[in-house]
N, C-alpha and C. Protein backbone atom coordinates (compact mmCIF):
# COMPACT_ATOMS: atom_id res chain seq x y z
N MET A 1 -18.64 -10.28 -33.48
CA MET A 1 -17.88 -11.03 -32.29
C MET A 1 -18.99 -10.99 -31.15
N LYS A 2 -18.87 -12.13 -30.45
CA LYS A 2 -19.54 -12.18 -29.16
C LYS A 2 -18.67 -12.44 -28.15
N ILE A 3 -18.74 -11.87 -26.75
CA ILE A 3 -17.97 -11.87 -25.81
C ILE A 3 -18.78 -12.21 -24.41
N ILE A 4 -18.48 -13.47 -24.01
CA ILE A 4 -19.08 -13.72 -22.75
C ILE A 4 -18.15 -13.97 -21.72
N THR A 5 -18.46 -13.86 -20.52
CA THR A 5 -17.84 -14.02 -19.38
C THR A 5 -18.03 -15.34 -18.46
N LEU A 6 -17.10 -16.03 -18.18
CA LEU A 6 -17.37 -17.20 -17.30
C LEU A 6 -17.29 -16.91 -15.72
N HIS A 7 -17.10 -15.72 -15.49
CA HIS A 7 -16.94 -15.33 -13.98
C HIS A 7 -15.78 -16.25 -13.30
N LYS A 8 -14.91 -16.81 -13.82
CA LYS A 8 -13.65 -17.42 -13.32
C LYS A 8 -12.57 -17.38 -14.20
N HIS A 9 -11.40 -17.53 -13.71
CA HIS A 9 -10.21 -17.59 -14.69
C HIS A 9 -10.48 -18.76 -15.41
N ILE A 10 -10.24 -18.38 -16.96
CA ILE A 10 -10.35 -19.63 -17.97
C ILE A 10 -9.14 -20.36 -18.12
N ASN A 11 -9.21 -21.50 -17.99
CA ASN A 11 -8.10 -22.58 -18.36
C ASN A 11 -8.43 -23.00 -20.06
N ILE A 12 -7.87 -22.76 -20.83
CA ILE A 12 -8.07 -22.94 -22.24
C ILE A 12 -8.14 -24.38 -22.53
N ASP A 13 -7.19 -25.03 -21.70
CA ASP A 13 -7.21 -26.73 -21.99
C ASP A 13 -8.58 -27.32 -21.48
N HIS A 14 -8.93 -26.72 -20.37
CA HIS A 14 -10.37 -27.21 -19.82
C HIS A 14 -11.40 -26.86 -20.73
N VAL A 15 -11.34 -25.83 -21.36
CA VAL A 15 -12.41 -25.32 -22.29
C VAL A 15 -12.42 -26.30 -23.61
N TYR A 16 -11.24 -26.44 -23.96
CA TYR A 16 -10.90 -27.32 -25.28
C TYR A 16 -11.52 -28.77 -24.87
N ASN A 17 -10.92 -29.36 -23.78
CA ASN A 17 -11.43 -30.80 -23.39
C ASN A 17 -12.93 -30.89 -23.27
N HIS A 18 -13.56 -29.91 -22.59
CA HIS A 18 -14.91 -30.10 -22.51
C HIS A 18 -15.71 -29.80 -23.88
N LEU A 19 -15.36 -28.94 -24.76
CA LEU A 19 -15.88 -28.94 -25.99
C LEU A 19 -15.47 -30.18 -26.99
N GLU A 20 -14.46 -30.61 -26.94
CA GLU A 20 -14.03 -31.75 -27.72
C GLU A 20 -14.77 -32.98 -27.18
N GLN A 21 -15.07 -33.25 -25.90
CA GLN A 21 -15.58 -34.29 -25.39
C GLN A 21 -17.24 -34.31 -25.55
N ASN A 22 -17.68 -33.08 -25.50
CA ASN A 22 -19.06 -32.91 -25.37
C ASN A 22 -19.91 -32.29 -26.41
N LEU A 23 -19.18 -31.69 -27.27
CA LEU A 23 -19.83 -30.81 -28.28
C LEU A 23 -20.82 -31.29 -29.08
N ASN A 24 -20.43 -32.64 -29.88
CA ASN A 24 -21.21 -33.24 -30.67
C ASN A 24 -22.44 -34.00 -30.04
N ALA A 25 -22.20 -34.52 -28.91
CA ALA A 25 -23.24 -35.01 -28.07
C ALA A 25 -24.46 -34.06 -27.74
N THR A 26 -23.82 -33.00 -27.10
CA THR A 26 -24.89 -31.66 -27.05
C THR A 26 -25.68 -31.48 -28.02
N PHE A 27 -24.94 -31.29 -29.30
CA PHE A 27 -25.56 -30.80 -30.34
C PHE A 27 -26.69 -31.60 -30.90
N LYS A 28 -26.29 -33.08 -30.84
CA LYS A 28 -27.23 -34.11 -31.11
C LYS A 28 -28.48 -34.19 -30.43
N LYS A 29 -28.20 -33.96 -29.17
CA LYS A 29 -29.34 -33.85 -28.13
C LYS A 29 -30.39 -32.78 -28.57
N HIS A 30 -29.93 -31.57 -29.07
CA HIS A 30 -30.87 -30.77 -29.65
C HIS A 30 -31.57 -30.89 -31.20
N LYS A 31 -30.44 -31.51 -31.85
CA LYS A 31 -31.03 -31.80 -33.24
C LYS A 31 -30.16 -32.92 -33.68
N PRO A 32 -31.02 -34.21 -33.72
CA PRO A 32 -30.45 -35.39 -34.06
C PRO A 32 -29.81 -35.22 -35.36
N GLY A 33 -28.80 -35.81 -35.74
CA GLY A 33 -28.16 -35.77 -37.26
C GLY A 33 -26.95 -36.58 -37.24
N ILE A 34 -26.29 -36.29 -38.45
CA ILE A 34 -24.87 -37.11 -38.61
C ILE A 34 -23.76 -36.07 -38.59
N PHE A 35 -24.17 -34.84 -38.23
CA PHE A 35 -22.88 -33.90 -38.12
C PHE A 35 -21.76 -34.48 -37.19
N GLU A 36 -20.64 -34.39 -37.39
CA GLU A 36 -19.46 -34.51 -36.36
C GLU A 36 -18.53 -33.28 -36.49
N PHE A 37 -18.71 -32.35 -35.37
CA PHE A 37 -17.78 -31.11 -35.55
C PHE A 37 -16.59 -31.69 -35.02
N LYS A 38 -15.44 -30.86 -35.49
CA LYS A 38 -14.34 -30.83 -35.20
C LYS A 38 -13.80 -29.64 -34.16
N VAL A 39 -13.24 -30.06 -33.11
CA VAL A 39 -12.72 -28.85 -32.21
C VAL A 39 -11.34 -29.28 -32.22
N GLU A 40 -10.72 -27.94 -32.49
CA GLU A 40 -9.14 -28.15 -32.40
C GLU A 40 -8.54 -26.91 -31.58
N LYS A 41 -7.48 -27.14 -30.85
CA LYS A 41 -6.71 -26.02 -29.97
C LYS A 41 -5.51 -25.71 -30.92
N ASN A 42 -5.36 -24.36 -31.04
CA ASN A 42 -4.39 -23.80 -31.89
C ASN A 42 -3.04 -23.44 -30.98
N ALA A 43 -2.03 -23.36 -31.53
CA ALA A 43 -0.75 -22.88 -31.05
C ALA A 43 -0.79 -21.60 -30.06
N ASP A 44 -1.72 -20.78 -30.57
CA ASP A 44 -1.95 -19.42 -29.85
C ASP A 44 -2.99 -19.62 -28.86
N ASN A 45 -3.56 -20.67 -28.37
CA ASN A 45 -4.27 -21.05 -27.36
C ASN A 45 -5.73 -20.66 -27.49
N SER A 46 -6.11 -20.61 -28.84
CA SER A 46 -7.39 -20.36 -29.50
C SER A 46 -7.93 -21.64 -29.73
N ILE A 47 -9.28 -21.83 -29.93
CA ILE A 47 -10.04 -22.81 -30.29
C ILE A 47 -10.86 -22.89 -31.50
N ASP A 48 -10.65 -23.69 -32.46
CA ASP A 48 -11.71 -23.58 -33.58
C ASP A 48 -12.48 -24.77 -33.80
N VAL A 49 -13.61 -24.47 -34.00
CA VAL A 49 -14.75 -25.34 -34.36
C VAL A 49 -15.07 -25.47 -35.81
N SER A 50 -15.03 -26.77 -36.43
CA SER A 50 -15.40 -26.73 -38.03
C SER A 50 -16.23 -27.93 -38.16
N LEU A 51 -16.59 -27.99 -39.61
CA LEU A 51 -17.17 -29.21 -39.98
C LEU A 51 -16.68 -29.29 -41.38
N PRO A 52 -15.46 -29.95 -41.48
CA PRO A 52 -14.81 -30.02 -42.68
C PRO A 52 -15.63 -30.71 -43.86
N GLU A 53 -16.59 -31.66 -43.59
CA GLU A 53 -17.35 -32.27 -44.63
C GLU A 53 -17.97 -31.33 -45.24
N LEU A 54 -18.64 -30.19 -44.66
CA LEU A 54 -19.45 -29.31 -45.40
C LEU A 54 -19.01 -27.91 -45.55
N TYR A 55 -17.87 -27.47 -45.02
CA TYR A 55 -17.46 -26.24 -45.00
C TYR A 55 -15.93 -25.97 -45.13
N ASP A 56 -15.31 -25.36 -45.90
CA ASP A 56 -13.93 -25.24 -46.08
C ASP A 56 -13.41 -24.37 -44.85
N ASP A 57 -14.08 -23.51 -44.38
CA ASP A 57 -13.52 -22.62 -43.38
C ASP A 57 -14.05 -23.15 -41.79
N ILE A 58 -13.38 -22.65 -40.89
CA ILE A 58 -13.84 -22.84 -39.52
C ILE A 58 -15.32 -22.26 -39.39
N LEU A 59 -16.01 -22.61 -38.40
CA LEU A 59 -17.48 -22.08 -38.10
C LEU A 59 -17.19 -21.17 -36.92
N TYR A 60 -16.30 -21.45 -36.01
CA TYR A 60 -16.32 -20.54 -34.74
C TYR A 60 -14.81 -20.63 -34.49
N HIS A 61 -14.45 -19.54 -33.85
CA HIS A 61 -12.99 -19.16 -33.31
C HIS A 61 -13.14 -18.47 -32.18
N ILE A 62 -12.52 -19.44 -31.05
CA ILE A 62 -12.70 -18.68 -29.78
C ILE A 62 -11.47 -18.54 -29.11
N VAL A 63 -11.32 -17.34 -28.55
CA VAL A 63 -10.22 -16.82 -27.94
C VAL A 63 -10.45 -16.42 -26.58
N PRO A 64 -9.50 -17.18 -25.48
CA PRO A 64 -9.67 -16.63 -23.95
C PRO A 64 -9.12 -15.34 -23.90
N ASP A 65 -9.66 -14.52 -22.90
CA ASP A 65 -9.07 -13.25 -22.51
C ASP A 65 -9.46 -13.10 -21.09
N GLY A 66 -8.66 -13.22 -20.07
CA GLY A 66 -9.07 -13.12 -18.69
C GLY A 66 -10.16 -14.12 -18.42
N ASN A 67 -11.21 -13.51 -17.98
CA ASN A 67 -12.49 -14.35 -17.57
C ASN A 67 -13.49 -14.32 -18.79
N ASN A 68 -12.96 -13.79 -20.03
CA ASN A 68 -13.93 -13.63 -21.14
C ASN A 68 -13.57 -14.70 -22.29
N LEU A 69 -14.58 -15.20 -23.09
CA LEU A 69 -14.17 -15.80 -24.20
C LEU A 69 -14.88 -15.08 -25.33
N HIS A 70 -13.87 -14.64 -26.32
CA HIS A 70 -14.38 -13.91 -27.56
C HIS A 70 -14.62 -14.94 -28.52
N ILE A 71 -15.58 -15.01 -29.02
CA ILE A 71 -16.16 -15.93 -29.97
C ILE A 71 -16.67 -15.29 -31.40
N THR A 72 -16.07 -15.69 -32.33
CA THR A 72 -16.29 -15.13 -33.73
C THR A 72 -16.82 -16.52 -34.47
N ARG A 73 -17.98 -16.04 -35.18
CA ARG A 73 -18.85 -17.01 -36.09
C ARG A 73 -18.47 -16.72 -37.43
N SER A 74 -17.86 -17.64 -38.30
CA SER A 74 -17.33 -17.59 -39.42
C SER A 74 -18.59 -17.00 -40.61
N GLU A 75 -18.26 -15.99 -41.42
CA GLU A 75 -19.33 -15.56 -42.32
C GLU A 75 -19.79 -16.65 -43.41
N HIS A 76 -18.93 -17.70 -43.42
CA HIS A 76 -19.21 -18.71 -44.46
C HIS A 76 -20.25 -19.69 -43.86
N TYR A 77 -20.54 -19.54 -42.65
CA TYR A 77 -21.38 -20.64 -41.92
C TYR A 77 -22.84 -20.08 -42.05
N VAL A 78 -23.61 -20.38 -43.26
CA VAL A 78 -24.83 -19.69 -43.54
C VAL A 78 -26.17 -20.53 -43.21
N ASP A 79 -25.90 -21.75 -42.60
CA ASP A 79 -27.01 -22.84 -42.56
C ASP A 79 -27.48 -22.33 -40.86
N ASP A 80 -28.71 -21.34 -41.10
CA ASP A 80 -28.95 -20.83 -39.61
C ASP A 80 -29.38 -21.83 -38.71
N VAL A 81 -30.06 -22.79 -38.95
CA VAL A 81 -30.84 -23.72 -38.13
C VAL A 81 -29.51 -24.46 -37.21
N ASN A 82 -28.75 -24.96 -38.15
CA ASN A 82 -27.35 -25.65 -37.43
C ASN A 82 -26.49 -24.69 -36.83
N SER A 83 -26.30 -23.55 -37.40
CA SER A 83 -25.62 -22.45 -36.49
C SER A 83 -26.27 -22.12 -35.21
N LEU A 84 -27.49 -21.97 -35.30
CA LEU A 84 -28.20 -21.56 -33.99
C LEU A 84 -28.18 -22.51 -32.84
N THR A 85 -28.25 -23.93 -33.51
CA THR A 85 -28.13 -25.03 -32.58
C THR A 85 -26.81 -25.28 -32.06
N LEU A 86 -25.72 -25.08 -33.01
CA LEU A 86 -24.38 -25.35 -32.46
C LEU A 86 -24.03 -24.25 -31.38
N GLU A 87 -24.53 -22.90 -31.71
CA GLU A 87 -24.32 -21.76 -30.77
C GLU A 87 -24.83 -22.12 -29.29
N SER A 88 -26.15 -22.83 -29.50
CA SER A 88 -26.92 -22.96 -28.12
C SER A 88 -26.16 -24.27 -27.61
N ALA A 89 -25.55 -25.13 -28.13
CA ALA A 89 -24.97 -26.23 -27.54
C ALA A 89 -23.66 -25.65 -27.00
N MET A 90 -22.95 -24.98 -27.46
CA MET A 90 -21.80 -24.15 -26.99
C MET A 90 -22.12 -23.45 -25.73
N ASN A 91 -23.19 -22.63 -25.73
CA ASN A 91 -23.41 -21.59 -24.52
C ASN A 91 -23.74 -22.81 -23.44
N GLU A 92 -24.53 -23.91 -23.65
CA GLU A 92 -24.80 -24.85 -22.65
C GLU A 92 -23.63 -25.22 -22.05
N LEU A 93 -22.68 -25.60 -22.86
CA LEU A 93 -21.21 -26.22 -22.47
C LEU A 93 -20.44 -25.12 -21.66
N PHE A 94 -20.51 -24.00 -21.84
CA PHE A 94 -19.85 -22.79 -21.40
C PHE A 94 -20.55 -22.42 -20.07
N ASP A 95 -21.78 -22.69 -19.98
CA ASP A 95 -22.58 -22.75 -18.68
C ASP A 95 -22.04 -23.59 -17.67
N GLU A 96 -21.92 -25.07 -18.13
CA GLU A 96 -21.32 -25.93 -17.24
C GLU A 96 -20.05 -25.59 -16.91
N LEU A 97 -19.08 -25.07 -17.73
CA LEU A 97 -17.89 -24.72 -17.21
C LEU A 97 -17.72 -23.69 -16.22
N SER A 98 -18.59 -22.77 -16.24
CA SER A 98 -18.64 -21.71 -15.12
C SER A 98 -19.35 -22.01 -13.96
N GLY A 99 -19.94 -22.92 -13.83
CA GLY A 99 -20.35 -23.77 -12.72
C GLY A 99 -21.64 -22.62 -12.25
N LYS A 100 -21.89 -22.76 -10.94
CA LYS A 100 -23.11 -21.87 -10.51
C LYS A 100 -23.04 -20.45 -10.77
N GLU A 101 -21.95 -19.83 -11.21
CA GLU A 101 -21.88 -18.52 -11.42
C GLU A 101 -22.52 -18.08 -12.75
N GLY A 102 -22.64 -19.26 -13.66
CA GLY A 102 -23.12 -19.02 -15.06
C GLY A 102 -22.43 -18.02 -15.80
N THR A 103 -22.95 -17.86 -17.20
CA THR A 103 -22.25 -16.96 -18.13
C THR A 103 -23.10 -15.64 -18.20
N ASP A 104 -22.32 -14.76 -18.75
CA ASP A 104 -23.00 -13.33 -19.08
C ASP A 104 -22.65 -12.80 -20.42
N LEU A 105 -23.46 -12.59 -21.30
CA LEU A 105 -23.25 -11.80 -22.48
C LEU A 105 -22.38 -10.40 -22.28
N VAL A 106 -21.19 -10.23 -22.63
CA VAL A 106 -20.64 -8.84 -22.36
C VAL A 106 -20.75 -7.99 -23.38
N GLN A 107 -20.67 -8.66 -24.67
CA GLN A 107 -20.83 -7.85 -25.92
C GLN A 107 -21.15 -9.02 -27.20
N GLU A 108 -22.10 -8.27 -27.93
CA GLU A 108 -22.41 -9.19 -29.28
C GLU A 108 -22.43 -8.13 -30.30
N GLY A 109 -21.99 -8.50 -31.59
CA GLY A 109 -22.04 -7.49 -32.51
C GLY A 109 -21.00 -7.81 -33.62
């Protein structure tokens, strides 16, 4: 699990909308292709990112915790190039959400 801080209160609806509207375009900016990731907000205010055409399970599970986001990558997502590109695209979008404060990695492991 990776924990990042956005340095401000996290509105999960804002995070969801930003990912939903921008994740695919940001991913394609780094790696053009035909992938269309699915971003879903769950009843418990967590967010799942998936690619149902290729993988049965979710790829990333994101849980807000104060100013932090807990991000878990699925063990079933084994395509390293796409995984790294997707993670880079999400980090770019999280930086946009945090504004000039930027994000910090709190924990990875």
